[in-house]
Amino acid sequence: MRHRVRKHLKFSNKSFAHRKSMERNLLTSFFMHKSIKTTEKKAKFIVPMIDKLINTVNTKDEMNAIRYVMTYLFTKESSLELFTNIAPKYKGNRTSGFTRIRAIKHRDGDSAKIVLLELV
């Protein structure tokens, strides 16, 4: 049995390079602006990576954290924002739950649910 497999978040009609690029774009924008408006499926797609990146930055080894984070973010400004402003706020024994997804509206064209993904 395949429990805990998030089959609905695969974006199966996109190629691997497109999925990876989309993930990196969303993460970069999120850490630059601290919130983004996107579809619910894309928001749920990047929430685990946001938790993983914040936890990586809060580890002891800073050089490996910089290398790991730069594989997921496009700009140095977004990684600097993550290292200086975002991650130190969540230092401690908390390992997840750094984001909040709030529904805004349904998009007119295809009735997709638009949400606001923001830091708690």
C-alpha atoms as a PDB file:
ATOM      1  CA  MET A   1       0.000   0.000   0.000  1.00  0.00           C
ATOM      2  CA  ARG A   2       1.253   3.434  -0.836  1.00  0.00           C
ATOM      3  CA  HIS A   3       0.409   5.527   2.195  1.00  0.00           C
ATOM      4  CA  ARG A   4       1.638   9.108   2.510  1.00  0.00           C
ATOM      5  CA  VAL A   5       2.404   9.400  -1.190  1.00  0.00           C
ATOM      6  CA  ARG A   6       1.193  12.720  -2.474  1.00  0.00           C
ATOM      7  CA  LYS A   7       0.143  11.600  -5.929  1.00  0.00           C
ATOM      8  CA  HIS A   8      -1.975  14.685  -6.532  1.00  0.00           C
ATOM      9  CA  LEU A   9       1.030  17.026  -6.427  1.00  0.00           C
ATOM     10  CA  LYS A  10       3.118  15.472  -9.186  1.00  0.00           C
ATOM     11  CA  PHE A  11       2.352  17.849 -12.092  1.00  0.00           C
ATOM     12  CA  SER A  12       2.585  14.816 -14.349  1.00  0.00           C
ATOM     13  CA  ASN A  13       1.963  16.755 -17.564  1.00  0.00           C
ATOM     14  CA  LYS A  14       5.172  18.772 -17.097  1.00  0.00           C
ATOM     15  CA  SER A  15       8.701  17.584 -17.736  1.00  0.00           C
ATOM     16  CA  PHE A  16      11.214  17.149 -14.919  1.00  0.00           C
ATOM     17  CA  ALA A  17      13.124  20.295 -15.919  1.00  0.00           C
ATOM     18  CA  HIS A  18       9.908  22.335 -15.991  1.00  0.00           C
ATOM     19  CA  ARG A  19       8.845  21.067 -12.548  1.00  0.00           C
ATOM     20  CA  LYS A  20      12.271  21.824 -11.084  1.00  0.00           C
ATOM     21  CA  SER A  21      12.381  25.289 -12.626  1.00  0.00           C
ATOM     22  CA  MET A  22       8.858  26.046 -11.426  1.00  0.00           C
ATOM     23  CA  GLU A  23       9.786  24.940  -7.912  1.00  0.00           C
ATOM     24  CA  ARG A  24      12.925  27.104  -7.889  1.00  0.00           C
ATOM     25  CA  ASN A  25      11.019  30.141  -9.213  1.00  0.00           C
ATOM     26  CA  LEU A  26       8.330  29.794  -6.553  1.00  0.00           C
ATOM     27  CA  LEU A  27      10.877  29.336  -3.757  1.00  0.00           C
ATOM     28  CA  THR A  28      12.953  32.306  -4.889  1.00  0.00           C
ATOM     29  CA  SER A  29       9.898  34.561  -5.086  1.00  0.00           C
ATOM     30  CA  PHE A  30       8.630  33.325  -1.736  1.00  0.00           C
ATOM     31  CA  PHE A  31      11.838  34.087   0.126  1.00  0.00           C
ATOM     32  CA  MET A  32      12.219  37.471  -1.596  1.00  0.00           C
ATOM     33  CA  HIS A  33       8.705  38.706  -0.786  1.00  0.00           C
ATOM     34  CA  LYS A  34       7.804  36.490   2.208  1.00  0.00           C
ATOM     35  CA  SER A  35       4.456  35.679   0.576  1.00  0.00           C
ATOM     36  CA  ILE A  36       3.147  34.778  -2.873  1.00  0.00           C
ATOM     37  CA  LYS A  37      -0.207  34.354  -4.585  1.00  0.00           C
ATOM     38  CA  THR A  38      -0.404  31.090  -6.494  1.00  0.00           C
ATOM     39  CA  THR A  39      -2.660  28.115  -7.069  1.00  0.00           C
ATOM     40  CA  GLU A  40      -3.357  25.732  -4.234  1.00  0.00           C
ATOM     41  CA  LYS A  41      -1.592  22.840  -5.939  1.00  0.00           C
ATOM     42  CA  LYS A  42       1.627  24.810  -6.438  1.00  0.00           C
ATOM     43  CA  ALA A  43       1.507  26.105  -2.862  1.00  0.00           C
ATOM     44  CA  LYS A  44       1.198  22.600  -1.449  1.00  0.00           C
ATOM     45  CA  PHE A  45       4.010  21.541  -3.780  1.00  0.00           C
ATOM     46  CA  ILE A  46       6.588  23.911  -2.256  1.00  0.00           C
ATOM     47  CA  VAL A  47       5.592  23.895   1.440  1.00  0.00           C
ATOM     48  CA  PRO A  48       7.802  20.863   2.275  1.00  0.00           C
ATOM     49  CA  MET A  49      10.773  22.497   0.540  1.00  0.00           C
ATOM     50  CA  ILE A  50      10.275  25.720   2.513  1.00  0.00           C
ATOM     51  CA  ASP A  51      10.367  23.727   5.757  1.00  0.00           C
ATOM     52  CA  LYS A  52      13.436  21.811   4.606  1.00  0.00           C
ATOM     53  CA  LEU A  53      15.351  24.959   3.615  1.00  0.00           C
ATOM     54  CA  ILE A  54      14.586  26.778   6.879  1.00  0.00           C
ATOM     55  CA  ASN A  55      15.683  23.724   8.876  1.00  0.00           C
ATOM     56  CA  THR A  56      18.862  23.421   6.816  1.00  0.00           C
ATOM     57  CA  VAL A  57      19.803  27.031   7.483  1.00  0.00           C
ATOM     58  CA  ASN A  58      19.253  26.551  11.210  1.00  0.00           C
ATOM     59  CA  THR A  59      21.806  23.719  11.389  1.00  0.00           C
ATOM     60  CA  LYS A  60      25.325  24.233  12.690  1.00  0.00           C
ATOM     61  CA  ASP A  61      27.274  23.809   9.446  1.00  0.00           C
ATOM     62  CA  GLU A  62      26.828  27.083   7.566  1.00  0.00           C
ATOM     63  CA  MET A  63      28.901  26.374   4.453  1.00  0.00           C
ATOM     64  CA  ASN A  64      26.999  23.208   3.582  1.00  0.00           C
ATOM     65  CA  ALA A  65      23.746  25.053   4.249  1.00  0.00           C
ATOM     66  CA  ILE A  66      24.766  27.776   1.774  1.00  0.00           C
ATOM     67  CA  ARG A  67      25.611  25.181  -0.876  1.00  0.00           C
ATOM     68  CA  TYR A  68      22.362  23.301  -0.331  1.00  0.00           C
ATOM     69  CA  VAL A  69      20.189  26.428  -0.394  1.00  0.00           C
ATOM     70  CA  MET A  70      21.780  27.779  -3.564  1.00  0.00           C
ATOM     71  CA  THR A  71      20.768  24.617  -5.437  1.00  0.00           C
ATOM     72  CA  TYR A  72      17.132  25.583  -4.813  1.00  0.00           C
ATOM     73  CA  LEU A  73      17.203  29.377  -5.129  1.00  0.00           C
ATOM     74  CA  PHE A  74      18.078  31.434  -8.203  1.00  0.00           C
ATOM     75  CA  THR A  75      19.302  34.700  -6.627  1.00  0.00           C
ATOM     76  CA  LYS A  76      21.740  35.592  -3.897  1.00  0.00           C
ATOM     77  CA  GLU A  77      19.308  38.203  -2.576  1.00  0.00           C
ATOM     78  CA  SER A  78      16.710  35.561  -1.749  1.00  0.00           C
ATOM     79  CA  SER A  79      19.260  33.348   0.017  1.00  0.00           C
ATOM     80  CA  LEU A  80      20.579  36.341   1.951  1.00  0.00           C
ATOM     81  CA  GLU A  81      17.009  37.140   3.025  1.00  0.00           C
ATOM     82  CA  LEU A  82      16.569  33.539   4.134  1.00  0.00           C
ATOM     83  CA  PHE A  83      19.829  33.450   6.114  1.00  0.00           C
ATOM     84  CA  THR A  84      19.550  36.861   7.777  1.00  0.00           C
ATOM     85  CA  ASN A  85      15.850  37.556   8.336  1.00  0.00           C
ATOM     86  CA  ILE A  86      13.664  34.489   7.934  1.00  0.00           C
ATOM     87  CA  ALA A  87      15.484  31.469   9.396  1.00  0.00           C
ATOM     88  CA  PRO A  88      16.710  33.070  12.655  1.00  0.00           C
ATOM     89  CA  LYS A  89      13.095  33.818  13.607  1.00  0.00           C
ATOM     90  CA  TYR A  90      12.313  30.094  13.580  1.00  0.00           C
ATOM     91  CA  LYS A  91      15.407  28.826  15.368  1.00  0.00           C
ATOM     92  CA  GLY A  92      14.609  26.404  18.155  1.00  0.00           C
ATOM     93  CA  ASN A  93      12.836  23.089  18.459  1.00  0.00           C
ATOM     94  CA  ARG A  94      10.275  23.779  15.737  1.00  0.00           C
ATOM     95  CA  THR A  95      10.809  21.730  12.570  1.00  0.00           C
ATOM     96  CA  SER A  96       7.760  22.482  10.417  1.00  0.00           C
ATOM     97  CA  GLY A  97       4.674  24.628  10.158  1.00  0.00           C
ATOM     98  CA  PHE A  98       6.418  27.808   9.054  1.00  0.00           C
ATOM     99  CA  THR A  99       3.832  28.670   6.395  1.00  0.00           C
ATOM    100  CA  ARG A 100       0.135  29.408   6.191  1.00  0.00           C
ATOM    101  CA  ILE A 101      -2.091  28.847   3.160  1.00  0.00           C
ATOM    102  CA  ARG A 102      -5.137  31.137   2.955  1.00  0.00           C
ATOM    103  CA  ALA A 103      -7.704  30.838   0.175  1.00  0.00           C
ATOM    104  CA  ILE A 104      -8.367  34.085  -1.695  1.00  0.00           C
ATOM    105  CA  LYS A 105     -10.621  33.391  -4.662  1.00  0.00           C
ATOM    106  CA  HIS A 106     -11.227  31.187  -7.668  1.00  0.00           C
ATOM    107  CA  ARG A 107      -9.546  32.178 -10.916  1.00  0.00           C
ATOM    108  CA  ASP A 108     -11.978  33.289 -13.628  1.00  0.00           C
ATOM    109  CA  GLY A 109     -10.614  31.305 -16.569  1.00  0.00           C
ATOM    110  CA  ASP A 110     -10.333  27.787 -15.183  1.00  0.00           C
ATOM    111  CA  SER A 111     -11.822  28.193 -11.688  1.00  0.00           C
ATOM    112  CA  ALA A 112      -8.547  27.192 -10.017  1.00  0.00           C
ATOM    113  CA  LYS A 113      -8.285  28.061  -6.331  1.00  0.00           C
ATOM    114  CA  ILE A 114      -5.909  30.991  -5.753  1.00  0.00           C
ATOM    115  CA  VAL A 115      -4.259  31.056  -2.337  1.00  0.00           C
ATOM    116  CA  LEU A 116      -1.896  33.306  -0.421  1.00  0.00           C
ATOM    117  CA  LEU A 117       1.140  31.425   0.853  1.00  0.00           C
ATOM    118  CA  GLU A 118       2.818  33.352   3.672  1.00  0.00           C
ATOM    119  CA  LEU A 119       5.103  32.903   6.631  1.00  0.00           C
ATOM    120  CA  VAL A 120       3.481  32.443  10.035  1.00  0.00           C
END
